């Protein structure tokens, strides 16, 4: 609020921003409660979610992302398909018989999942 010269306007803006943040926090808590309820109501979903939480570096947020983006792992039949989708499978660059450079991961992967897995969001 340092950029606002008028102190009254700055104070009003600050109050408005704080109330907006509080409202967003309340909505976030409601949404998190609904998500937990959905997970606990489905036995298979609960099992897969809990298994994901046992993996080091996988927290509630990343586990939830994986379960949601993969429809509880029903979209992919093989681990290789899931690895490609999450951007964790390396690909080599080749042309005919030559192999050029290092292996790289695809940029066509789901960027949200790739970021969460790379950063290890254990939230």
C-alpha atoms as a PDB file:
ATOM      1  CA  UNK A   1       0.000   0.000   0.000  1.00  0.00           C
ATOM      2  CA  UNK A   2       3.059   2.272  -0.120  1.00  0.00           C
ATOM      3  CA  UNK A   3       2.284   3.305  -3.703  1.00  0.00           C
ATOM      4  CA  UNK A   4      -1.010   4.944  -2.705  1.00  0.00           C
ATOM      5  CA  UNK A   5      -0.328   8.525  -1.558  1.00  0.00           C
ATOM      6  CA  UNK A   6      -3.751   9.210  -0.033  1.00  0.00           C
ATOM      7  CA  UNK A   7      -3.759   7.596   3.431  1.00  0.00           C
ATOM      8  CA  UNK A   8      -7.548   7.253   3.590  1.00  0.00           C
ATOM      9  CA  UNK A   9      -7.694   5.510   0.216  1.00  0.00           C
ATOM     10  CA  UNK A  10      -4.783   3.298   1.216  1.00  0.00           C
ATOM     11  CA  UNK A  11      -6.521   2.240   4.430  1.00  0.00           C
ATOM     12  CA  UNK A  12      -9.807   1.507   2.613  1.00  0.00           C
ATOM     13  CA  UNK A  13      -7.955  -0.533   0.013  1.00  0.00           C
ATOM     14  CA  UNK A  14      -6.130  -2.478   2.713  1.00  0.00           C
ATOM     15  CA  UNK A  15      -9.381  -3.275   4.566  1.00  0.00           C
ATOM     16  CA  UNK A  16     -11.035  -4.362   1.316  1.00  0.00           C
ATOM     17  CA  UNK A  17      -8.088  -6.598   0.380  1.00  0.00           C
ATOM     18  CA  UNK A  18      -7.988  -8.213   3.826  1.00  0.00           C
ATOM     19  CA  UNK A  19     -11.716  -8.987   3.737  1.00  0.00           C
ATOM     20  CA  UNK A  20     -11.355 -10.455   0.245  1.00  0.00           C
ATOM     21  CA  UNK A  21      -8.480 -12.656   1.412  1.00  0.00           C
ATOM     22  CA  UNK A  22     -10.507 -13.873   4.401  1.00  0.00           C
ATOM     23  CA  UNK A  23     -13.461 -14.705   2.153  1.00  0.00           C
ATOM     24  CA  UNK A  24     -11.201 -16.626  -0.226  1.00  0.00           C
ATOM     25  CA  UNK A  25      -9.708 -18.557   2.706  1.00  0.00           C
ATOM     26  CA  UNK A  26     -13.210 -19.560   3.847  1.00  0.00           C
ATOM     27  CA  UNK A  27     -14.095 -20.744   0.335  1.00  0.00           C
ATOM     28  CA  UNK A  28     -10.835 -22.683   0.144  1.00  0.00           C
ATOM     29  CA  UNK A  29     -11.565 -24.456   3.436  1.00  0.00           C
ATOM     30  CA  UNK A  30     -15.076 -25.360   2.223  1.00  0.00           C
ATOM     31  CA  UNK A  31     -13.675 -26.734  -1.031  1.00  0.00           C
ATOM     32  CA  UNK A  32     -11.013 -28.752   0.797  1.00  0.00           C
ATOM     33  CA  UNK A  33     -13.700 -30.226   3.072  1.00  0.00           C
ATOM     34  CA  UNK A  34     -15.800 -31.228   0.038  1.00  0.00           C
ATOM     35  CA  UNK A  35     -12.777 -32.865  -1.601  1.00  0.00           C
ATOM     36  CA  UNK A  36     -11.969 -34.835   1.570  1.00  0.00           C
ATOM     37  CA  UNK A  37     -15.594 -35.976   1.762  1.00  0.00           C
ATOM     38  CA  UNK A  38     -15.535 -37.181  -1.858  1.00  0.00           C
ATOM     39  CA  UNK A  39     -12.301 -39.091  -1.251  1.00  0.00           C
ATOM     40  CA  UNK A  40     -13.538 -40.764   1.934  1.00  0.00           C
ATOM     41  CA  UNK A  41     -16.847 -41.801   0.337  1.00  0.00           C
ATOM     42  CA  UNK A  42     -15.169 -43.827  -2.441  1.00  0.00           C
ATOM     43  CA  UNK A  43     -13.215 -46.846  -1.186  1.00  0.00           C
ATOM     44  CA  UNK A  44     -11.014 -47.273  -4.285  1.00  0.00           C
ATOM     45  CA  UNK A  45     -10.292 -43.558  -4.462  1.00  0.00           C
ATOM     46  CA  UNK A  46      -9.404 -43.514  -0.760  1.00  0.00           C
ATOM     47  CA  UNK A  47      -7.045 -46.484  -1.212  1.00  0.00           C
ATOM     48  CA  UNK A  48      -5.186 -44.941  -4.170  1.00  0.00           C
ATOM     49  CA  UNK A  49      -5.007 -41.541  -2.489  1.00  0.00           C
ATOM     50  CA  UNK A  50      -3.555 -43.057   0.698  1.00  0.00           C
ATOM     51  CA  UNK A  51      -1.041 -45.108  -1.310  1.00  0.00           C
ATOM     52  CA  UNK A  52       0.148 -41.947  -3.057  1.00  0.00           C
ATOM     53  CA  UNK A  53       0.667 -40.251   0.310  1.00  0.00           C
ATOM     54  CA  UNK A  54       3.125 -43.008   1.317  1.00  0.00           C
ATOM     55  CA  UNK A  55       5.507 -41.951  -1.479  1.00  0.00           C
ATOM     56  CA  UNK A  56       8.210 -39.550  -0.216  1.00  0.00           C
ATOM     57  CA  UNK A  57       7.720 -36.082  -1.694  1.00  0.00           C
ATOM     58  CA  UNK A  58       4.059 -36.670  -2.573  1.00  0.00           C
ATOM     59  CA  UNK A  59       1.749 -34.646  -0.387  1.00  0.00           C
ATOM     60  CA  UNK A  60      -1.991 -34.166  -0.331  1.00  0.00           C
ATOM     61  CA  UNK A  61      -1.963 -31.590  -3.150  1.00  0.00           C
ATOM     62  CA  UNK A  62       0.127 -33.668  -5.570  1.00  0.00           C
ATOM     63  CA  UNK A  63      -1.778 -36.857  -4.707  1.00  0.00           C
ATOM     64  CA  UNK A  64      -5.045 -35.080  -5.388  1.00  0.00           C
ATOM     65  CA  UNK A  65      -3.710 -33.738  -8.699  1.00  0.00           C
ATOM     66  CA  UNK A  66      -2.632 -37.223  -9.787  1.00  0.00           C
ATOM     67  CA  UNK A  67      -5.955 -38.796  -8.854  1.00  0.00           C
ATOM     68  CA  UNK A  68      -7.973 -36.045 -10.578  1.00  0.00           C
ATOM     69  CA  UNK A  69      -5.952 -35.690 -13.786  1.00  0.00           C
ATOM     70  CA  UNK A  70      -5.813 -39.465 -14.327  1.00  0.00           C
ATOM     71  CA  UNK A  71      -9.416 -40.193 -13.261  1.00  0.00           C
ATOM     72  CA  UNK A  72      -8.103 -42.354 -10.417  1.00  0.00           C
ATOM     73  CA  UNK A  73      -5.525 -43.899 -12.793  1.00  0.00           C
ATOM     74  CA  UNK A  74      -8.176 -45.223 -15.190  1.00  0.00           C
ATOM     75  CA  UNK A  75      -6.923 -43.205 -18.191  1.00  0.00           C
ATOM     76  CA  UNK A  76      -3.569 -44.991 -18.402  1.00  0.00           C
ATOM     77  CA  UNK A  77      -3.015 -48.741 -18.760  1.00  0.00           C
ATOM     78  CA  UNK A  78       0.772 -48.681 -18.377  1.00  0.00           C
ATOM     79  CA  UNK A  79       3.262 -46.821 -16.227  1.00  0.00           C
ATOM     80  CA  UNK A  80       5.038 -45.577 -19.374  1.00  0.00           C
ATOM     81  CA  UNK A  81       1.878 -43.781 -20.521  1.00  0.00           C
ATOM     82  CA  UNK A  82       1.516 -42.077 -17.147  1.00  0.00           C
ATOM     83  CA  UNK A  83       5.205 -41.130 -17.135  1.00  0.00           C
ATOM     84  CA  UNK A  84       4.799 -39.497 -20.561  1.00  0.00           C
ATOM     85  CA  UNK A  85       1.691 -37.627 -19.431  1.00  0.00           C
ATOM     86  CA  UNK A  86       3.374 -36.306 -16.290  1.00  0.00           C
ATOM     87  CA  UNK A  87       6.543 -35.301 -18.139  1.00  0.00           C
ATOM     88  CA  UNK A  88       8.838 -37.631 -16.226  1.00  0.00           C
ATOM     89  CA  UNK A  89       9.705 -40.020 -19.095  1.00  0.00           C
ATOM     90  CA  UNK A  90      12.921 -39.124 -20.961  1.00  0.00           C
ATOM     91  CA  UNK A  91      13.042 -39.271 -24.761  1.00  0.00           C
ATOM     92  CA  UNK A  92      16.178 -39.496 -26.862  1.00  0.00           C
ATOM     93  CA  UNK A  93      16.580 -37.372 -29.952  1.00  0.00           C
ATOM     94  CA  UNK A  94      17.551 -39.567 -32.881  1.00  0.00           C
ATOM     95  CA  UNK A  95      17.637 -39.340 -36.648  1.00  0.00           C
ATOM     96  CA  UNK A  96      18.139 -42.590 -38.525  1.00  0.00           C
ATOM     97  CA  UNK A  97      21.085 -44.322 -36.896  1.00  0.00           C
ATOM     98  CA  UNK A  98      22.488 -41.329 -35.033  1.00  0.00           C
ATOM     99  CA  UNK A  99      21.516 -40.310 -31.535  1.00  0.00           C
ATOM    100  CA  UNK A 100      21.962 -36.609 -30.855  1.00  0.00           C
ATOM    101  CA  UNK A 101      22.546 -35.170 -27.420  1.00  0.00           C
ATOM    102  CA  UNK A 102      21.089 -36.008 -24.063  1.00  0.00           C
ATOM    103  CA  UNK A 103      17.680 -37.427 -23.387  1.00  0.00           C
ATOM    104  CA  UNK A 104      15.016 -34.858 -22.602  1.00  0.00           C
ATOM    105  CA  UNK A 105      11.501 -34.869 -21.228  1.00  0.00           C
ATOM    106  CA  UNK A 106       8.583 -33.794 -23.397  1.00  0.00           C
ATOM    107  CA  UNK A 107       7.194 -30.283 -23.156  1.00  0.00           C
ATOM    108  CA  UNK A 108       3.800 -31.625 -24.217  1.00  0.00           C
ATOM    109  CA  UNK A 109       3.221 -33.095 -20.756  1.00  0.00           C
ATOM    110  CA  UNK A 110       0.700 -31.830 -18.226  1.00  0.00           C
ATOM    111  CA  UNK A 111       2.647 -28.857 -16.871  1.00  0.00           C
ATOM    112  CA  UNK A 112       0.797 -28.697 -13.558  1.00  0.00           C
ATOM    113  CA  UNK A 113       1.580 -32.321 -12.705  1.00  0.00           C
ATOM    114  CA  UNK A 114       5.118 -32.025 -14.014  1.00  0.00           C
ATOM    115  CA  UNK A 115       5.765 -28.987 -11.811  1.00  0.00           C
ATOM    116  CA  UNK A 116       4.253 -30.589  -8.721  1.00  0.00           C
ATOM    117  CA  UNK A 117       6.252 -33.785  -9.176  1.00  0.00           C
ATOM    118  CA  UNK A 118       9.480 -31.935  -9.971  1.00  0.00           C
ATOM    119  CA  UNK A 119       9.212 -29.567  -7.020  1.00  0.00           C
ATOM    120  CA  UNK A 120       7.982 -32.326  -4.731  1.00  0.00           C
ATOM    121  CA  UNK A 121       5.081 -30.350  -3.329  1.00  0.00           C
ATOM    122  CA  UNK A 122       4.609 -32.348  -0.169  1.00  0.00           C
ATOM    123  CA  UNK A 123       1.742 -30.121   0.927  1.00  0.00           C
END
